[in-house]
Amino acid sequence: MRIQKSAFTLVEIITVTFIIALLASMAIAEAIALRKSANESNCQANLRTIGTGFELYAVKNGGIYAPDDSQIDLQFLIDADCLHVDLIGRQLGNFNYQVGSIDPSGYDIRAMAVNQVLADHNYRIITGARLQRSDTPGDTNFKDF
């Protein structure tokens, strides 16, 4: 009498391995998309906070958005208790925050994508707390959205 051993065939093992690899690749792609979305949402929230700080400063100072002397940071907003953290010149998440312009009549603060794999757009906030974005990370042509 022969005893039969129960074992997997090579075809079954290859099929299961292929299915596991396919599911893993789909999960990784979804994780990257979620991370990209989270980075961009965080960037938009940071820029809105900066825009709110400028608008609050203008309300406190008769419609003037910044002191007369040229600024390259947001320390004057912190000193006026209109903002808590200066993000300019820092990389936060996947974005590097930069000054486009700051003067008494308005502001332009930009968040430029550092890694194009993790961001689909560049963003900026301009006078009036208007948030804009570019069509691609390498683009500096901003539009309202």
N, C-alpha and C. Protein backbone atom coordinates (compact mmCIF):
# COMPACT_ATOMS: atom_id res chain seq x y z
N MET A 1 0.82 -1.16 0.00
CA MET A 1 0.00 0.00 0.00
C MET A 1 0.88 1.25 0.00
N ARG A 2 0.59 2.15 -0.90
CA ARG A 2 1.35 3.41 -1.02
C ARG A 2 0.69 4.51 -0.23
N ILE A 3 1.51 5.32 0.41
CA ILE A 3 1.00 6.50 1.13
C ILE A 3 1.23 7.71 0.23
N GLN A 4 0.18 8.45 -0.04
CA GLN A 4 0.32 9.63 -0.89
C GLN A 4 0.66 10.84 -0.02
N LYS A 5 1.65 11.59 -0.46
CA LYS A 5 2.02 12.82 0.23
C LYS A 5 1.27 13.98 -0.39
N SER A 6 0.76 14.83 0.42
CA SER A 6 0.06 16.01 -0.06
C SER A 6 1.07 17.15 -0.13
N ALA A 7 1.29 17.69 -1.31
CA ALA A 7 2.26 18.77 -1.49
C ALA A 7 1.73 19.73 -2.56
N PHE A 8 2.29 20.95 -2.53
CA PHE A 8 1.92 21.93 -3.54
C PHE A 8 2.75 21.70 -4.78
N THR A 9 2.15 21.94 -5.92
CA THR A 9 2.89 21.83 -7.17
C THR A 9 3.61 23.14 -7.43
N LEU A 10 4.56 23.12 -8.30
CA LEU A 10 5.31 24.32 -8.66
C LEU A 10 4.39 25.39 -9.25
N VAL A 11 3.44 25.01 -10.05
CA VAL A 11 2.50 25.96 -10.65
C VAL A 11 1.68 26.66 -9.57
N GLU A 12 1.23 25.92 -8.57
CA GLU A 12 0.46 26.52 -7.48
C GLU A 12 1.30 27.52 -6.69
N ILE A 13 2.54 27.19 -6.41
CA ILE A 13 3.43 28.08 -5.67
C ILE A 13 3.70 29.35 -6.46
N ILE A 14 3.97 29.21 -7.75
CA ILE A 14 4.23 30.39 -8.60
C ILE A 14 2.98 31.27 -8.68
N THR A 15 1.81 30.68 -8.80
CA THR A 15 0.56 31.44 -8.88
C THR A 15 0.33 32.23 -7.59
N VAL A 16 0.49 31.60 -6.45
CA VAL A 16 0.29 32.28 -5.18
C VAL A 16 1.32 33.39 -5.00
N THR A 17 2.57 33.15 -5.36
CA THR A 17 3.61 34.17 -5.27
C THR A 17 3.28 35.37 -6.16
N PHE A 18 2.80 35.10 -7.37
CA PHE A 18 2.43 36.18 -8.28
C PHE A 18 1.29 37.01 -7.71
N ILE A 19 0.29 36.38 -7.15
CA ILE A 19 -0.85 37.10 -6.58
C ILE A 19 -0.41 37.96 -5.40
N ILE A 20 0.43 37.42 -4.54
CA ILE A 20 0.94 38.19 -3.40
C ILE A 20 1.75 39.39 -3.88
N ALA A 21 2.61 39.21 -4.89
CA ALA A 21 3.40 40.31 -5.43
C ALA A 21 2.50 41.38 -6.05
N LEU A 22 1.47 40.98 -6.74
CA LEU A 22 0.54 41.92 -7.35
C LEU A 22 -0.20 42.74 -6.28
N LEU A 23 -0.68 42.09 -5.25
CA LEU A 23 -1.36 42.80 -4.17
C LEU A 23 -0.42 43.75 -3.43
N ALA A 24 0.81 43.33 -3.22
CA ALA A 24 1.80 44.19 -2.56
C ALA A 24 2.10 45.43 -3.39
N SER A 25 2.23 45.28 -4.70
CA SER A 25 2.52 46.43 -5.56
C SER A 25 1.35 47.41 -5.56
N MET A 26 0.12 46.90 -5.53
CA MET A 26 -1.04 47.79 -5.47
C MET A 26 -1.10 48.53 -4.14
N ALA A 27 -0.75 47.87 -3.07
CA ALA A 27 -0.75 48.50 -1.75
C ALA A 27 0.32 49.59 -1.66
N ILE A 28 1.47 49.34 -2.23
CA ILE A 28 2.55 50.34 -2.21
C ILE A 28 2.16 51.56 -3.02
N ALA A 29 1.56 51.36 -4.19
CA ALA A 29 1.12 52.49 -5.02
C ALA A 29 0.08 53.33 -4.28
N GLU A 30 -0.83 52.68 -3.60
CA GLU A 30 -1.86 53.41 -2.85
C GLU A 30 -1.25 54.16 -1.67
N ALA A 31 -0.27 53.57 -1.01
CA ALA A 31 0.40 54.24 0.11
C ALA A 31 1.12 55.50 -0.37
N ILE A 32 1.75 55.45 -1.53
CA ILE A 32 2.43 56.63 -2.08
C ILE A 32 1.42 57.71 -2.41
N ALA A 33 0.28 57.34 -2.99
CA ALA A 33 -0.76 58.32 -3.31
C ALA A 33 -1.31 58.97 -2.04
N LEU A 34 -1.51 58.19 -0.99
CA LEU A 34 -2.00 58.74 0.27
C LEU A 34 -0.98 59.68 0.90
N ARG A 35 0.28 59.32 0.82
CA ARG A 35 1.33 60.19 1.38
C ARG A 35 1.41 61.50 0.62
N LYS A 36 1.29 61.42 -0.71
CA LYS A 36 1.30 62.62 -1.54
C LYS A 36 0.14 63.54 -1.17
N SER A 37 -1.04 62.98 -1.03
CA SER A 37 -2.22 63.76 -0.67
C SER A 37 -2.07 64.39 0.72
N ALA A 38 -1.53 63.65 1.66
CA ALA A 38 -1.32 64.18 3.01
C ALA A 38 -0.31 65.32 3.00
N ASN A 39 0.79 65.17 2.25
CA ASN A 39 1.79 66.23 2.16
C ASN A 39 1.19 67.51 1.58
N GLU A 40 0.39 67.36 0.52
CA GLU A 40 -0.19 68.54 -0.11
C GLU A 40 -1.24 69.20 0.79
N SER A 41 -2.02 68.42 1.51
CA SER A 41 -3.00 68.98 2.45
C SER A 41 -2.29 69.74 3.57
N ASN A 42 -1.22 69.18 4.07
CA ASN A 42 -0.44 69.82 5.12
C ASN A 42 0.16 71.14 4.61
N CYS A 43 0.67 71.13 3.40
CA CYS A 43 1.24 72.34 2.80
C CYS A 43 0.17 73.42 2.68
N GLN A 44 -1.01 73.05 2.18
CA GLN A 44 -2.09 74.02 2.04
C GLN A 44 -2.49 74.61 3.40
N ALA A 45 -2.55 73.77 4.40
CA ALA A 45 -2.89 74.25 5.75
C ALA A 45 -1.83 75.21 6.28
N ASN A 46 -0.54 74.89 6.05
CA ASN A 46 0.54 75.78 6.49
C ASN A 46 0.45 77.13 5.78
N LEU A 47 0.20 77.12 4.47
CA LEU A 47 0.09 78.39 3.74
C LEU A 47 -1.13 79.19 4.18
N ARG A 48 -2.22 78.52 4.45
CA ARG A 48 -3.42 79.24 4.94
C ARG A 48 -3.14 79.88 6.30
N THR A 49 -2.37 79.19 7.13
CA THR A 49 -1.99 79.76 8.43
C THR A 49 -1.14 81.00 8.23
N ILE A 50 -0.20 80.96 7.31
CA ILE A 50 0.64 82.12 7.02
C ILE A 50 -0.22 83.26 6.47
N GLY A 51 -1.13 82.94 5.55
CA GLY A 51 -2.02 83.97 4.99
C GLY A 51 -2.89 84.60 6.06
N THR A 52 -3.39 83.79 6.98
CA THR A 52 -4.20 84.32 8.08
C THR A 52 -3.36 85.24 8.97
N GLY A 53 -2.09 84.87 9.18
CA GLY A 53 -1.18 85.74 9.95
C GLY A 53 -0.99 87.09 9.29
N PHE A 54 -0.80 87.10 7.98
CA PHE A 54 -0.66 88.37 7.25
C PHE A 54 -1.94 89.20 7.34
N GLU A 55 -3.09 88.54 7.15
CA GLU A 55 -4.36 89.27 7.20
C GLU A 55 -4.61 89.84 8.59
N LEU A 56 -4.28 89.08 9.64
CA LEU A 56 -4.43 89.57 11.01
C LEU A 56 -3.50 90.75 11.26
N TYR A 57 -2.27 90.67 10.76
CA TYR A 57 -1.32 91.77 10.91
C TYR A 57 -1.87 93.02 10.22
N ALA A 58 -2.45 92.86 9.03
CA ALA A 58 -3.00 94.00 8.29
C ALA A 58 -4.16 94.64 9.05
N VAL A 59 -5.00 93.81 9.67
CA VAL A 59 -6.12 94.35 10.45
C VAL A 59 -5.60 95.17 11.64
N LYS A 60 -4.57 94.65 12.29
CA LYS A 60 -4.00 95.34 13.46
C LYS A 60 -3.24 96.60 13.08
N ASN A 61 -2.79 96.70 11.81
CA ASN A 61 -1.92 97.81 11.39
C ASN A 61 -2.52 98.64 10.26
N GLY A 62 -3.81 98.78 10.24
CA GLY A 62 -4.45 99.69 9.29
C GLY A 62 -4.30 99.29 7.83
N GLY A 63 -4.31 98.01 7.52
CA GLY A 63 -4.25 97.56 6.13
C GLY A 63 -2.85 97.37 5.58
N ILE A 64 -1.83 97.57 6.42
CA ILE A 64 -0.44 97.38 5.97
C ILE A 64 -0.04 95.95 6.31
N TYR A 65 0.47 95.23 5.29
CA TYR A 65 0.77 93.81 5.44
C TYR A 65 2.14 93.52 6.03
N ALA A 66 3.04 94.50 6.00
CA ALA A 66 4.39 94.27 6.52
C ALA A 66 5.02 95.62 6.85
N PRO A 67 6.02 95.62 7.71
CA PRO A 67 6.74 96.87 7.97
C PRO A 67 7.42 97.38 6.70
N ASP A 68 7.83 98.64 6.72
CA ASP A 68 8.46 99.24 5.53
C ASP A 68 9.77 98.58 5.15
N ASP A 69 10.56 98.14 6.14
CA ASP A 69 11.84 97.52 5.81
C ASP A 69 11.61 96.15 5.16
N SER A 70 12.44 95.84 4.21
CA SER A 70 12.31 94.59 3.46
C SER A 70 12.51 93.39 4.38
N GLN A 71 11.64 92.40 4.26
CA GLN A 71 11.70 91.22 5.11
C GLN A 71 12.02 89.98 4.26
N ILE A 72 12.83 89.09 4.82
CA ILE A 72 13.04 87.80 4.16
C ILE A 72 12.54 86.65 5.03
N ASP A 73 11.93 87.01 6.15
CA ASP A 73 11.34 85.99 7.01
C ASP A 73 10.03 86.52 7.58
N LEU A 74 9.42 85.76 8.42
CA LEU A 74 8.12 86.15 8.97
C LEU A 74 8.21 86.49 10.45
N GLN A 75 9.41 86.85 10.91
CA GLN A 75 9.61 87.14 12.32
C GLN A 75 8.72 88.29 12.79
N PHE A 76 8.47 89.27 11.93
CA PHE A 76 7.62 90.40 12.34
C PHE A 76 6.19 89.94 12.65
N LEU A 77 5.72 88.87 11.98
CA LEU A 77 4.39 88.33 12.29
C LEU A 77 4.39 87.63 13.65
N ILE A 78 5.50 86.97 13.97
CA ILE A 78 5.63 86.30 15.26
C ILE A 78 5.70 87.35 16.37
N ASP A 79 6.49 88.41 16.14
CA ASP A 79 6.62 89.48 17.13
C ASP A 79 5.28 90.17 17.38
N ALA A 80 4.44 90.27 16.35
CA ALA A 80 3.12 90.92 16.48
C ALA A 80 2.06 89.94 16.97
N ASP A 81 2.46 88.73 17.32
CA ASP A 81 1.55 87.68 17.80
C ASP A 81 0.48 87.33 16.76
N CYS A 82 0.88 87.31 15.50
CA CYS A 82 -0.03 86.94 14.41
C CYS A 82 0.31 85.58 13.82
N LEU A 83 1.46 85.03 14.18
CA LEU A 83 1.90 83.74 13.68
C LEU A 83 2.78 83.11 14.75
N HIS A 84 2.77 81.79 14.82
CA HIS A 84 3.54 81.12 15.88
C HIS A 84 4.89 80.59 15.41
N VAL A 85 5.01 80.20 14.14
CA VAL A 85 6.24 79.58 13.65
C VAL A 85 6.59 80.18 12.28
N ASP A 86 7.86 80.51 12.11
CA ASP A 86 8.34 81.00 10.81
C ASP A 86 8.79 79.80 9.98
N LEU A 87 8.09 79.51 8.89
CA LEU A 87 8.42 78.37 8.04
C LEU A 87 9.37 78.73 6.90
N ILE A 88 9.64 80.00 6.70
CA ILE A 88 10.42 80.44 5.55
C ILE A 88 11.84 79.90 5.64
N GLY A 89 12.31 79.37 4.51
CA GLY A 89 13.66 78.81 4.43
C GLY A 89 13.75 77.41 5.01
N ARG A 90 12.63 76.85 5.42
CA ARG A 90 12.63 75.51 6.01
C ARG A 90 11.92 74.55 5.10
N GLN A 91 12.35 73.33 5.17
CA GLN A 91 11.63 72.26 4.47
C GLN A 91 10.75 71.56 5.48
N LEU A 92 9.49 71.51 5.17
CA LEU A 92 8.53 70.84 6.04
C LEU A 92 7.77 69.85 5.18
N GLY A 93 7.86 68.59 5.52
CA GLY A 93 7.27 67.57 4.65
C GLY A 93 8.02 67.54 3.34
N ASN A 94 7.31 67.65 2.27
CA ASN A 94 7.91 67.61 0.94
C ASN A 94 8.01 68.98 0.31
N PHE A 95 7.84 70.05 1.10
CA PHE A 95 7.81 71.39 0.53
C PHE A 95 8.82 72.29 1.21
N ASN A 96 9.45 73.16 0.39
CA ASN A 96 10.36 74.17 0.88
C ASN A 96 9.64 75.51 0.79
N TYR A 97 9.50 76.19 1.91
CA TYR A 97 8.76 77.44 1.97
C TYR A 97 9.69 78.61 1.66
N GLN A 98 9.26 79.51 0.74
CA GLN A 98 10.08 80.62 0.27
C GLN A 98 9.24 81.90 0.20
N VAL A 99 9.94 83.03 0.30
CA VAL A 99 9.28 84.32 0.12
C VAL A 99 9.33 84.67 -1.36
N GLY A 100 8.15 84.91 -1.96
CA GLY A 100 8.09 85.49 -3.30
C GLY A 100 8.30 86.98 -3.17
N SER A 101 7.49 87.62 -2.32
CA SER A 101 7.66 89.03 -1.99
C SER A 101 6.88 89.36 -0.74
N ILE A 102 7.40 90.30 0.03
CA ILE A 102 6.69 90.84 1.19
C ILE A 102 6.94 92.33 1.18
N ASP A 103 5.87 93.12 1.17
CA ASP A 103 6.00 94.57 1.29
C ASP A 103 4.72 95.09 1.95
N PRO A 104 4.66 96.38 2.27
CA PRO A 104 3.47 96.90 2.96
C PRO A 104 2.16 96.70 2.19
N SER A 105 2.22 96.56 0.87
CA SER A 105 0.99 96.45 0.09
C SER A 105 0.55 95.01 -0.14
N GLY A 106 1.38 94.02 0.20
CA GLY A 106 0.97 92.63 -0.02
C GLY A 106 2.07 91.63 0.22
N TYR A 107 1.76 90.37 -0.10
CA TYR A 107 2.70 89.27 0.15
C TYR A 107 2.51 88.17 -0.87
N ASP A 108 3.54 87.37 -1.03
CA ASP A 108 3.54 86.21 -1.92
C ASP A 108 4.48 85.19 -1.28
N ILE A 109 3.91 84.16 -0.66
CA ILE A 109 4.70 83.12 -0.01
C ILE A 109 4.50 81.84 -0.79
N ARG A 110 5.59 81.14 -1.11
CA ARG A 110 5.52 79.95 -1.96
C ARG A 110 5.99 78.70 -1.22
N ALA A 111 5.38 77.60 -1.60
CA ALA A 111 5.80 76.28 -1.12
C ALA A 111 6.14 75.47 -2.35
N MET A 112 7.43 75.21 -2.53
CA MET A 112 7.90 74.53 -3.73
C MET A 112 8.18 73.06 -3.41
N ALA A 113 7.68 72.18 -4.26
CA ALA A 113 7.86 70.74 -4.05
C ALA A 113 9.33 70.37 -4.15
N VAL A 114 9.81 69.59 -3.21
CA VAL A 114 11.19 69.14 -3.20
C VAL A 114 11.33 67.86 -4.01
N ASN A 115 10.41 66.93 -3.82
CA ASN A 115 10.44 65.65 -4.49
C ASN A 115 9.18 65.52 -5.35
N GLN A 116 9.35 65.47 -6.67
CA GLN A 116 8.20 65.45 -7.56
C GLN A 116 7.41 64.15 -7.49
N VAL A 117 8.00 63.11 -6.93
CA VAL A 117 7.27 61.85 -6.77
C VAL A 117 6.21 62.01 -5.69
N LEU A 118 6.48 62.85 -4.69
CA LEU A 118 5.57 63.00 -3.56
C LEU A 118 4.72 64.26 -3.61
N ALA A 119 4.71 64.97 -4.74
CA ALA A 119 3.86 66.16 -4.87
C ALA A 119 3.51 66.39 -6.33
N ASP A 120 2.27 66.76 -6.57
CA ASP A 120 1.81 67.03 -7.93
C ASP A 120 1.81 68.51 -8.28
N HIS A 121 1.98 69.39 -7.28
CA HIS A 121 1.85 70.83 -7.51
C HIS A 121 2.81 71.61 -6.63
N ASN A 122 3.09 72.87 -7.02
CA ASN A 122 3.66 73.87 -6.14
C ASN A 122 2.49 74.73 -5.68
N TYR A 123 2.62 75.38 -4.54
CA TYR A 123 1.55 76.20 -4.00
C TYR A 123 2.08 77.57 -3.62
N ARG A 124 1.17 78.55 -3.55
CA ARG A 124 1.52 79.85 -2.99
C ARG A 124 0.27 80.48 -2.40
N ILE A 125 0.50 81.39 -1.45
CA ILE A 125 -0.58 82.19 -0.88
C ILE A 125 -0.22 83.64 -1.16
N ILE A 126 -1.21 84.39 -1.65
CA ILE A 126 -0.95 85.79 -1.99
C ILE A 126 -1.93 86.69 -1.24
N THR A 127 -1.71 87.98 -1.38
CA THR A 127 -2.51 88.98 -0.69
C THR A 127 -4.00 88.65 -0.79
N GLY A 128 -4.68 88.76 0.34
CA GLY A 128 -6.09 88.42 0.40
C GLY A 128 -6.29 86.97 0.80
N ALA A 129 -5.21 86.31 1.21
CA ALA A 129 -5.23 84.89 1.61
C ALA A 129 -5.76 84.01 0.49
N ARG A 130 -5.37 84.34 -0.75
CA ARG A 130 -5.77 83.54 -1.90
C ARG A 130 -4.74 82.44 -2.13
N LEU A 131 -5.17 81.20 -2.02
CA LEU A 131 -4.31 80.05 -2.23
C LEU A 131 -4.34 79.67 -3.70
N GLN A 132 -3.16 79.48 -4.28
CA GLN A 132 -3.05 79.11 -5.68
C GLN A 132 -2.11 77.92 -5.82
N ARG A 133 -2.20 77.22 -6.97
CA ARG A 133 -1.28 76.12 -7.22
C ARG A 133 -0.89 76.09 -8.68
N SER A 134 0.25 75.44 -8.95
CA SER A 134 0.71 75.24 -10.32
C SER A 134 0.18 73.91 -10.83
N ASP A 135 0.23 73.73 -12.14
CA ASP A 135 -0.26 72.48 -12.72
C ASP A 135 0.68 71.31 -12.47
N THR A 136 1.98 71.59 -12.40
CA THR A 136 2.99 70.55 -12.17
C THR A 136 4.01 71.06 -11.17
N PRO A 137 4.78 70.18 -10.54
CA PRO A 137 5.78 70.63 -9.56
C PRO A 137 6.85 71.55 -10.15
N GLY A 138 7.20 71.39 -11.40
CA GLY A 138 8.24 72.23 -12.00
C GLY A 138 7.73 73.56 -12.50
N ASP A 139 6.44 73.79 -12.45
CA ASP A 139 5.80 74.97 -13.02
C ASP A 139 5.71 76.09 -11.97
N THR A 140 5.92 77.33 -12.38
CA THR A 140 5.74 78.47 -11.49
C THR A 140 4.61 79.37 -11.98
N ASN A 141 3.78 78.87 -12.87
CA ASN A 141 2.60 79.58 -13.33
C ASN A 141 1.43 79.16 -12.43
N PHE A 142 1.07 80.02 -11.48
CA PHE A 142 0.07 79.67 -10.47
C PHE A 142 -1.32 80.12 -10.87
N LYS A 143 -2.33 79.33 -10.48
CA LYS A 143 -3.73 79.62 -10.76
C LYS A 143 -4.56 79.35 -9.51
N ASP A 144 -5.68 80.08 -9.40
CA ASP A 144 -6.61 79.79 -8.30
C ASP A 144 -7.20 78.40 -8.52
N PHE A 145 -7.53 77.74 -7.45
CA PHE A 145 -8.18 76.43 -7.57
C PHE A 145 -9.25 76.27 -6.53
